[in-house]
């Protein structure tokens, strides 16, 4: 019987030995100007899978951006979303934002919802593992219509203010 030597997983090496981190590193996008980008991609991947419970989360290399992006669904029947992990140190111009939206949406064209506004969610991470998600899109996007519940709450607040003014 052949025995395999397993490297003991410890608090110090679990992150670097994770199969998905090795996959991210294998794409060869280790940017000298932003060395935390690979760790950021891994932290966002873990956050989407483990904390947020997303479905069909996958890593993808983007040669033109020299970076990894992530696709997934927040709910089983939700449309596919594109997430681009960056660090707080990443400097982006408006042209960079447009390029990120264009490149990732063109690569995922057949899997994204047709006739939707091209958009990307930037996952901005800090070294302490804080992650903030911002959705950016190409052009102007009209605001979502308020739900029935939101309309009712607004009407109740308005009535309450009227009552308070009378007193």
Foldseek 3Di string as FASTA:
>chain_A
DDDDDDDDDDPVCPQVPDPVLVVQVVLVLCDPQANCQSVQVSLVLCCVVPVLNWAPWDWDAQVVVSHIKIWTGSDPPHAIAIEGEDEPSDDDDVVRQVVVQVRVCVVCVVRGDPPDFRKHWYWYAYPVSDTDIDIDTDDDDDDDDDDPVVVVVVVVVVVVVVVVVVD
